[in-house]
């Protein structure tokens, strides 16, 4: 009797496994994809993000121009008084201008990093909102996987049927009417470099600017 029960239990277990496998085979995976840049560009937050980034970039550019203007003024004053300067004074002023030039280069590198961090900070709430709605659309429509197809850098999808694109469904889920809006740029605008001042060298004589 024990053997019969064990055999019966094994048979039931096998039947259950086969039934589950059959059910899985009858329910194929449903894969969707969305263009993240396309959706982001149509979200109301995108305009404010662009505006804030532009304003922040303008502040950095203003500081960069101010620093470059100080160096330019210092260099012009050096040119005008060079003929009456002793070698020690010339060397001291050249060193001062070299330090200013290095400071400007360091500031520009720091400004670029700061702008990138600013963009990430501004985008995070919008990206979190987008992710939440992608999850909702995927669950409601039975999508097993959803991929990003915006083609930035290394595109994840090389070919896909149009009916798999859930971008418009995500927009509608957020109450946005789909349209052909221009995508948000994937990278921040680099602060414009101010016109470089004439190079400072260690020689006692410098060429006059044309």
C-alpha atoms as a PDB file:
ATOM      1  CA  UNK A   1       0.000   0.000   0.000  1.00  0.00           C
ATOM      2  CA  UNK A   2       2.832   2.393   0.807  1.00  0.00           C
ATOM      3  CA  UNK A   3       4.413   1.722  -2.571  1.00  0.00           C
ATOM      4  CA  UNK A   4       1.092   2.396  -4.285  1.00  0.00           C
ATOM      5  CA  UNK A   5       0.695   5.710  -2.487  1.00  0.00           C
ATOM      6  CA  UNK A   6       4.215   6.810  -3.342  1.00  0.00           C
ATOM      7  CA  UNK A   7       3.727   5.834  -6.952  1.00  0.00           C
ATOM      8  CA  UNK A   8       0.422   7.692  -7.083  1.00  0.00           C
ATOM      9  CA  UNK A   9       1.982  10.794  -5.521  1.00  0.00           C
ATOM     10  CA  UNK A  10       4.802  10.700  -8.045  1.00  0.00           C
ATOM     11  CA  UNK A  11       2.306  10.358 -10.880  1.00  0.00           C
ATOM     12  CA  UNK A  12       0.297  13.324  -9.621  1.00  0.00           C
ATOM     13  CA  UNK A  13       3.464  15.413  -9.253  1.00  0.00           C
ATOM     14  CA  UNK A  14       4.545  14.563 -12.804  1.00  0.00           C
ATOM     15  CA  UNK A  15       1.078  15.375 -14.151  1.00  0.00           C
ATOM     16  CA  UNK A  16       1.129  18.732 -12.345  1.00  0.00           C
ATOM     17  CA  UNK A  17       4.566  19.596 -13.750  1.00  0.00           C
ATOM     18  CA  UNK A  18       3.470  18.694 -17.273  1.00  0.00           C
ATOM     19  CA  UNK A  19       0.331  20.793 -16.903  1.00  0.00           C
ATOM     20  CA  UNK A  20       2.336  23.809 -15.703  1.00  0.00           C
ATOM     21  CA  UNK A  21       4.807  23.400 -18.554  1.00  0.00           C
ATOM     22  CA  UNK A  22       1.940  23.137 -21.025  1.00  0.00           C
ATOM     23  CA  UNK A  23       0.346  26.293 -19.613  1.00  0.00           C
ATOM     24  CA  UNK A  24       3.617  28.181 -19.937  1.00  0.00           C
ATOM     25  CA  UNK A  25       3.988  26.980 -23.513  1.00  0.00           C
ATOM     26  CA  UNK A  26       0.504  28.278 -24.311  1.00  0.00           C
ATOM     27  CA  UNK A  27       1.317  31.730 -22.859  1.00  0.00           C
ATOM     28  CA  UNK A  28       4.127  33.157 -25.016  1.00  0.00           C
ATOM     29  CA  UNK A  29       6.165  36.096 -23.814  1.00  0.00           C
ATOM     30  CA  UNK A  30       4.850  39.510 -24.779  1.00  0.00           C
ATOM     31  CA  UNK A  31       7.660  41.974 -25.438  1.00  0.00           C
ATOM     32  CA  UNK A  32       7.205  45.734 -25.741  1.00  0.00           C
ATOM     33  CA  UNK A  33       9.564  48.648 -26.294  1.00  0.00           C
ATOM     34  CA  UNK A  34       9.452  52.388 -25.760  1.00  0.00           C
ATOM     35  CA  UNK A  35      11.482  55.369 -26.928  1.00  0.00           C
ATOM     36  CA  UNK A  36      12.434  57.006 -23.632  1.00  0.00           C
ATOM     37  CA  UNK A  37      13.602  60.247 -25.275  1.00  0.00           C
ATOM     38  CA  UNK A  38      10.356  60.477 -27.249  1.00  0.00           C
ATOM     39  CA  UNK A  39       8.253  60.127 -24.092  1.00  0.00           C
ATOM     40  CA  UNK A  40      10.428  62.450 -21.987  1.00  0.00           C
ATOM     41  CA  UNK A  41      10.221  65.193 -24.619  1.00  0.00           C
ATOM     42  CA  UNK A  42       6.417  65.244 -24.369  1.00  0.00           C
ATOM     43  CA  UNK A  43       6.202  65.255 -20.597  1.00  0.00           C
ATOM     44  CA  UNK A  44       5.358  68.719 -19.152  1.00  0.00           C
ATOM     45  CA  UNK A  45       8.452  68.507 -16.958  1.00  0.00           C
ATOM     46  CA  UNK A  46      10.749  68.554 -19.995  1.00  0.00           C
ATOM     47  CA  UNK A  47      10.283  72.270 -20.706  1.00  0.00           C
ATOM     48  CA  UNK A  48      11.094  73.220 -17.130  1.00  0.00           C
ATOM     49  CA  UNK A  49      14.138  70.940 -17.144  1.00  0.00           C
ATOM     50  CA  UNK A  50      15.438  72.555 -20.337  1.00  0.00           C
ATOM     51  CA  UNK A  51      14.774  76.027 -18.903  1.00  0.00           C
ATOM     52  CA  UNK A  52      16.541  75.278 -15.619  1.00  0.00           C
ATOM     53  CA  UNK A  53      19.533  73.752 -17.402  1.00  0.00           C
ATOM     54  CA  UNK A  54      19.784  76.750 -19.720  1.00  0.00           C
ATOM     55  CA  UNK A  55      19.704  79.163 -16.777  1.00  0.00           C
ATOM     56  CA  UNK A  56      22.313  77.177 -14.847  1.00  0.00           C
ATOM     57  CA  UNK A  57      24.550  76.966 -17.914  1.00  0.00           C
ATOM     58  CA  UNK A  58      24.211  80.737 -18.337  1.00  0.00           C
ATOM     59  CA  UNK A  59      25.458  81.297 -14.787  1.00  0.00           C
ATOM     60  CA  UNK A  60      28.496  79.124 -15.421  1.00  0.00           C
ATOM     61  CA  UNK A  61      29.224  80.898 -18.712  1.00  0.00           C
ATOM     62  CA  UNK A  62      29.002  84.280 -16.977  1.00  0.00           C
ATOM     63  CA  UNK A  63      31.544  83.239 -14.363  1.00  0.00           C
ATOM     64  CA  UNK A  64      33.831  81.848 -17.036  1.00  0.00           C
ATOM     65  CA  UNK A  65      33.667  85.077 -19.053  1.00  0.00           C
ATOM     66  CA  UNK A  66      34.414  87.089 -15.916  1.00  0.00           C
ATOM     67  CA  UNK A  67      37.503  85.040 -15.111  1.00  0.00           C
ATOM     68  CA  UNK A  68      38.708  85.210 -18.731  1.00  0.00           C
ATOM     69  CA  UNK A  69      38.131  88.974 -18.768  1.00  0.00           C
ATOM     70  CA  UNK A  70      40.302  89.397 -15.688  1.00  0.00           C
ATOM     71  CA  UNK A  71      43.111  87.447 -17.321  1.00  0.00           C
ATOM     72  CA  UNK A  72      42.788  89.446 -20.530  1.00  0.00           C
ATOM     73  CA  UNK A  73      42.998  92.743 -18.615  1.00  0.00           C
ATOM     74  CA  UNK A  74      45.994  91.488 -16.678  1.00  0.00           C
ATOM     75  CA  UNK A  75      47.755  90.492 -19.898  1.00  0.00           C
ATOM     76  CA  UNK A  76      47.107  93.857 -21.573  1.00  0.00           C
ATOM     77  CA  UNK A  77      48.480  95.689 -18.532  1.00  0.00           C
ATOM     78  CA  UNK A  78      51.530  93.458 -18.666  1.00  0.00           C
ATOM     79  CA  UNK A  79      52.126  94.266 -22.335  1.00  0.00           C
ATOM     80  CA  UNK A  80      51.835  97.993 -21.720  1.00  0.00           C
ATOM     81  CA  UNK A  81      54.306  98.035 -18.826  1.00  0.00           C
ATOM     82  CA  UNK A  82      56.654  95.287 -19.959  1.00  0.00           C
ATOM     83  CA  UNK A  83      59.307  97.681 -21.285  1.00  0.00           C
ATOM     84  CA  UNK A  84      59.854  99.279 -17.864  1.00  0.00           C
ATOM     85  CA  UNK A  85      59.700  96.076 -15.801  1.00  0.00           C
ATOM     86  CA  UNK A  86      62.698  94.380 -14.254  1.00  0.00           C
ATOM     87  CA  UNK A  87      63.234  90.704 -15.002  1.00  0.00           C
ATOM     88  CA  UNK A  88      62.075  89.785 -11.500  1.00  0.00           C
ATOM     89  CA  UNK A  89      58.805  91.720 -11.889  1.00  0.00           C
ATOM     90  CA  UNK A  90      58.230  90.221 -15.350  1.00  0.00           C
ATOM     91  CA  UNK A  91      58.730  86.693 -14.032  1.00  0.00           C
ATOM     92  CA  UNK A  92      56.376  87.364 -11.132  1.00  0.00           C
ATOM     93  CA  UNK A  93      53.589  88.716 -13.370  1.00  0.00           C
ATOM     94  CA  UNK A  94      54.021  85.879 -15.870  1.00  0.00           C
ATOM     95  CA  UNK A  95      53.680  83.378 -13.048  1.00  0.00           C
ATOM     96  CA  UNK A  96      50.549  85.154 -11.847  1.00  0.00           C
ATOM     97  CA  UNK A  97      48.961  84.990 -15.309  1.00  0.00           C
ATOM     98  CA  UNK A  98      49.888  81.326 -15.707  1.00  0.00           C
ATOM     99  CA  UNK A  99      48.145  80.579 -12.401  1.00  0.00           C
ATOM    100  CA  UNK A 100      45.063  82.486 -13.552  1.00  0.00           C
ATOM    101  CA  UNK A 101      45.036  80.585 -16.833  1.00  0.00           C
ATOM    102  CA  UNK A 102      45.250  77.260 -14.963  1.00  0.00           C
ATOM    103  CA  UNK A 103      42.440  78.381 -12.661  1.00  0.00           C
ATOM    104  CA  UNK A 104      40.212  79.090 -15.672  1.00  0.00           C
ATOM    105  CA  UNK A 105      40.882  75.639 -17.135  1.00  0.00           C
ATOM    106  CA  UNK A 106      40.122  73.994 -13.784  1.00  0.00           C
ATOM    107  CA  UNK A 107      36.897  75.995 -13.476  1.00  0.00           C
ATOM    108  CA  UNK A 108      35.740  74.949 -16.941  1.00  0.00           C
ATOM    109  CA  UNK A 109      36.287  71.259 -16.170  1.00  0.00           C
ATOM    110  CA  UNK A 110      34.475  71.655 -12.864  1.00  0.00           C
ATOM    111  CA  UNK A 111      31.615  73.516 -14.577  1.00  0.00           C
ATOM    112  CA  UNK A 112      31.105  70.701 -17.083  1.00  0.00           C
ATOM    113  CA  UNK A 113      30.876  68.135 -14.286  1.00  0.00           C
ATOM    114  CA  UNK A 114      28.533  70.388 -12.314  1.00  0.00           C
ATOM    115  CA  UNK A 115      26.251  70.799 -15.325  1.00  0.00           C
ATOM    116  CA  UNK A 116      26.049  67.040 -15.822  1.00  0.00           C
ATOM    117  CA  UNK A 117      25.174  66.543 -12.159  1.00  0.00           C
ATOM    118  CA  UNK A 118      22.536  69.268 -12.408  1.00  0.00           C
ATOM    119  CA  UNK A 119      20.952  67.539 -15.389  1.00  0.00           C
ATOM    120  CA  UNK A 120      20.839  64.198 -13.567  1.00  0.00           C
ATOM    121  CA  UNK A 121      19.233  65.836 -10.535  1.00  0.00           C
ATOM    122  CA  UNK A 122      16.582  67.586 -12.644  1.00  0.00           C
ATOM    123  CA  UNK A 123      15.817  64.469 -14.702  1.00  0.00           C
ATOM    124  CA  UNK A 124      15.477  62.031 -11.800  1.00  0.00           C
ATOM    125  CA  UNK A 125      11.860  62.898 -10.804  1.00  0.00           C
ATOM    126  CA  UNK A 126      10.744  62.711 -14.456  1.00  0.00           C
ATOM    127  CA  UNK A 127      12.553  59.403 -14.997  1.00  0.00           C
ATOM    128  CA  UNK A 128      11.051  57.965 -11.809  1.00  0.00           C
ATOM    129  CA  UNK A 129       7.582  59.017 -12.986  1.00  0.00           C
ATOM    130  CA  UNK A 130       8.226  57.491 -16.403  1.00  0.00           C
ATOM    131  CA  UNK A 131       9.407  54.203 -14.883  1.00  0.00           C
ATOM    132  CA  UNK A 132       6.313  53.997 -12.670  1.00  0.00           C
ATOM    133  CA  UNK A 133       4.001  54.449 -15.658  1.00  0.00           C
ATOM    134  CA  UNK A 134       5.968  51.991 -17.799  1.00  0.00           C
ATOM    135  CA  UNK A 135       5.467  49.403 -15.062  1.00  0.00           C
ATOM    136  CA  UNK A 136       1.721  50.161 -14.933  1.00  0.00           C
ATOM    137  CA  UNK A 137       1.294  49.930 -18.720  1.00  0.00           C
ATOM    138  CA  UNK A 138       3.322  46.716 -18.879  1.00  0.00           C
ATOM    139  CA  UNK A 139       1.240  45.068 -16.134  1.00  0.00           C
ATOM    140  CA  UNK A 140      -2.111  46.224 -17.547  1.00  0.00           C
ATOM    141  CA  UNK A 141      -1.284  45.113 -21.095  1.00  0.00           C
ATOM    142  CA  UNK A 142       0.516  41.879 -20.300  1.00  0.00           C
ATOM    143  CA  UNK A 143       3.993  42.853 -21.475  1.00  0.00           C
ATOM    144  CA  UNK A 144       6.633  40.558 -20.040  1.00  0.00           C
ATOM    145  CA  UNK A 145       9.560  42.713 -21.150  1.00  0.00           C
ATOM    146  CA  UNK A 146       9.822  46.360 -22.232  1.00  0.00           C
ATOM    147  CA  UNK A 147      13.002  47.638 -23.838  1.00  0.00           C
ATOM    148  CA  UNK A 148      14.347  51.119 -24.529  1.00  0.00           C
ATOM    149  CA  UNK A 149      14.576  51.806 -28.264  1.00  0.00           C
ATOM    150  CA  UNK A 150      15.748  55.449 -28.320  1.00  0.00           C
ATOM    151  CA  UNK A 151      18.974  54.480 -30.108  1.00  0.00           C
ATOM    152  CA  UNK A 152      21.250  56.412 -27.772  1.00  0.00           C
ATOM    153  CA  UNK A 153      24.807  55.068 -27.898  1.00  0.00           C
ATOM    154  CA  UNK A 154      24.200  51.336 -28.327  1.00  0.00           C
ATOM    155  CA  UNK A 155      20.599  50.690 -29.446  1.00  0.00           C
ATOM    156  CA  UNK A 156      19.051  47.720 -27.660  1.00  0.00           C
ATOM    157  CA  UNK A 157      16.660  46.864 -30.493  1.00  0.00           C
ATOM    158  CA  UNK A 158      17.646  46.509 -34.120  1.00  0.00           C
ATOM    159  CA  UNK A 159      14.258  45.316 -35.359  1.00  0.00           C
ATOM    160  CA  UNK A 160      10.812  45.224 -33.778  1.00  0.00           C
ATOM    161  CA  UNK A 161       7.157  45.286 -34.908  1.00  0.00           C
ATOM    162  CA  UNK A 162       5.382  48.615 -34.537  1.00  0.00           C
ATOM    163  CA  UNK A 163       2.595  47.070 -32.476  1.00  0.00           C
ATOM    164  CA  UNK A 164       5.138  46.414 -29.724  1.00  0.00           C
ATOM    165  CA  UNK A 165       5.766  50.147 -29.164  1.00  0.00           C
ATOM    166  CA  UNK A 166       3.980  51.244 -25.967  1.00  0.00           C
ATOM    167  CA  UNK A 167       5.322  54.837 -25.952  1.00  0.00           C
ATOM    168  CA  UNK A 168       1.938  56.376 -26.801  1.00  0.00           C
ATOM    169  CA  UNK A 169       0.220  54.168 -24.233  1.00  0.00           C
ATOM    170  CA  UNK A 170       2.606  55.461 -21.547  1.00  0.00           C
ATOM    171  CA  UNK A 171       1.892  59.064 -22.606  1.00  0.00           C
ATOM    172  CA  UNK A 172      -1.859  58.463 -22.476  1.00  0.00           C
ATOM    173  CA  UNK A 173      -1.465  56.861 -19.048  1.00  0.00           C
ATOM    174  CA  UNK A 174       0.002  60.194 -17.883  1.00  0.00           C
ATOM    175  CA  UNK A 175      -2.829  62.119 -19.533  1.00  0.00           C
ATOM    176  CA  UNK A 176      -0.624  63.406 -22.365  1.00  0.00           C
ATOM    177  CA  UNK A 177      -1.773  63.442 -25.985  1.00  0.00           C
ATOM    178  CA  UNK A 178       0.979  61.836 -28.112  1.00  0.00           C
ATOM    179  CA  UNK A 179       2.658  64.073 -30.648  1.00  0.00           C
ATOM    180  CA  UNK A 180       5.887  64.519 -32.569  1.00  0.00           C
ATOM    181  CA  UNK A 181       7.844  66.551 -30.028  1.00  0.00           C
ATOM    182  CA  UNK A 182      11.565  67.075 -30.400  1.00  0.00           C
ATOM    183  CA  UNK A 183      13.559  64.804 -28.066  1.00  0.00           C
ATOM    184  CA  UNK A 184      15.439  66.159 -25.077  1.00  0.00           C
ATOM    185  CA  UNK A 185      19.165  66.191 -25.732  1.00  0.00           C
ATOM    186  CA  UNK A 186      20.896  63.268 -24.121  1.00  0.00           C
ATOM    187  CA  UNK A 187      23.798  65.315 -22.797  1.00  0.00           C
ATOM    188  CA  UNK A 188      24.112  68.729 -21.160  1.00  0.00           C
ATOM    189  CA  UNK A 189      25.337  71.760 -23.006  1.00  0.00           C
ATOM    190  CA  UNK A 190      28.968  72.455 -22.229  1.00  0.00           C
ATOM    191  CA  UNK A 191      29.610  75.963 -20.911  1.00  0.00           C
ATOM    192  CA  UNK A 192      30.880  78.046 -23.817  1.00  0.00           C
ATOM    193  CA  UNK A 193      34.571  78.683 -23.547  1.00  0.00           C
ATOM    194  CA  UNK A 194      35.486  82.341 -23.473  1.00  0.00           C
ATOM    195  CA  UNK A 195      37.941  83.621 -26.052  1.00  0.00           C
ATOM    196  CA  UNK A 196      41.360  82.415 -24.855  1.00  0.00           C
ATOM    197  CA  UNK A 197      43.787  85.064 -23.734  1.00  0.00           C
ATOM    198  CA  UNK A 198      47.142  85.299 -25.413  1.00  0.00           C
ATOM    199  CA  UNK A 199      49.431  82.492 -24.178  1.00  0.00           C
ATOM    200  CA  UNK A 200      51.668  83.346 -21.264  1.00  0.00           C
ATOM    201  CA  UNK A 201      55.230  82.141 -21.527  1.00  0.00           C
ATOM    202  CA  UNK A 202      58.303  82.275 -19.365  1.00  0.00           C
ATOM    203  CA  UNK A 203      60.402  84.418 -21.694  1.00  0.00           C
ATOM    204  CA  UNK A 204      61.151  88.026 -20.779  1.00  0.00           C
ATOM    205  CA  UNK A 205      59.810  89.282 -24.098  1.00  0.00           C
ATOM    206  CA  UNK A 206      56.376  88.573 -25.567  1.00  0.00           C
ATOM    207  CA  UNK A 207      54.936  89.173 -29.002  1.00  0.00           C
ATOM    208  CA  UNK A 208      52.523  92.042 -29.422  1.00  0.00           C
ATOM    209  CA  UNK A 209      48.977  90.952 -30.335  1.00  0.00           C
ATOM    210  CA  UNK A 210      47.864  91.840 -33.826  1.00  0.00           C
END
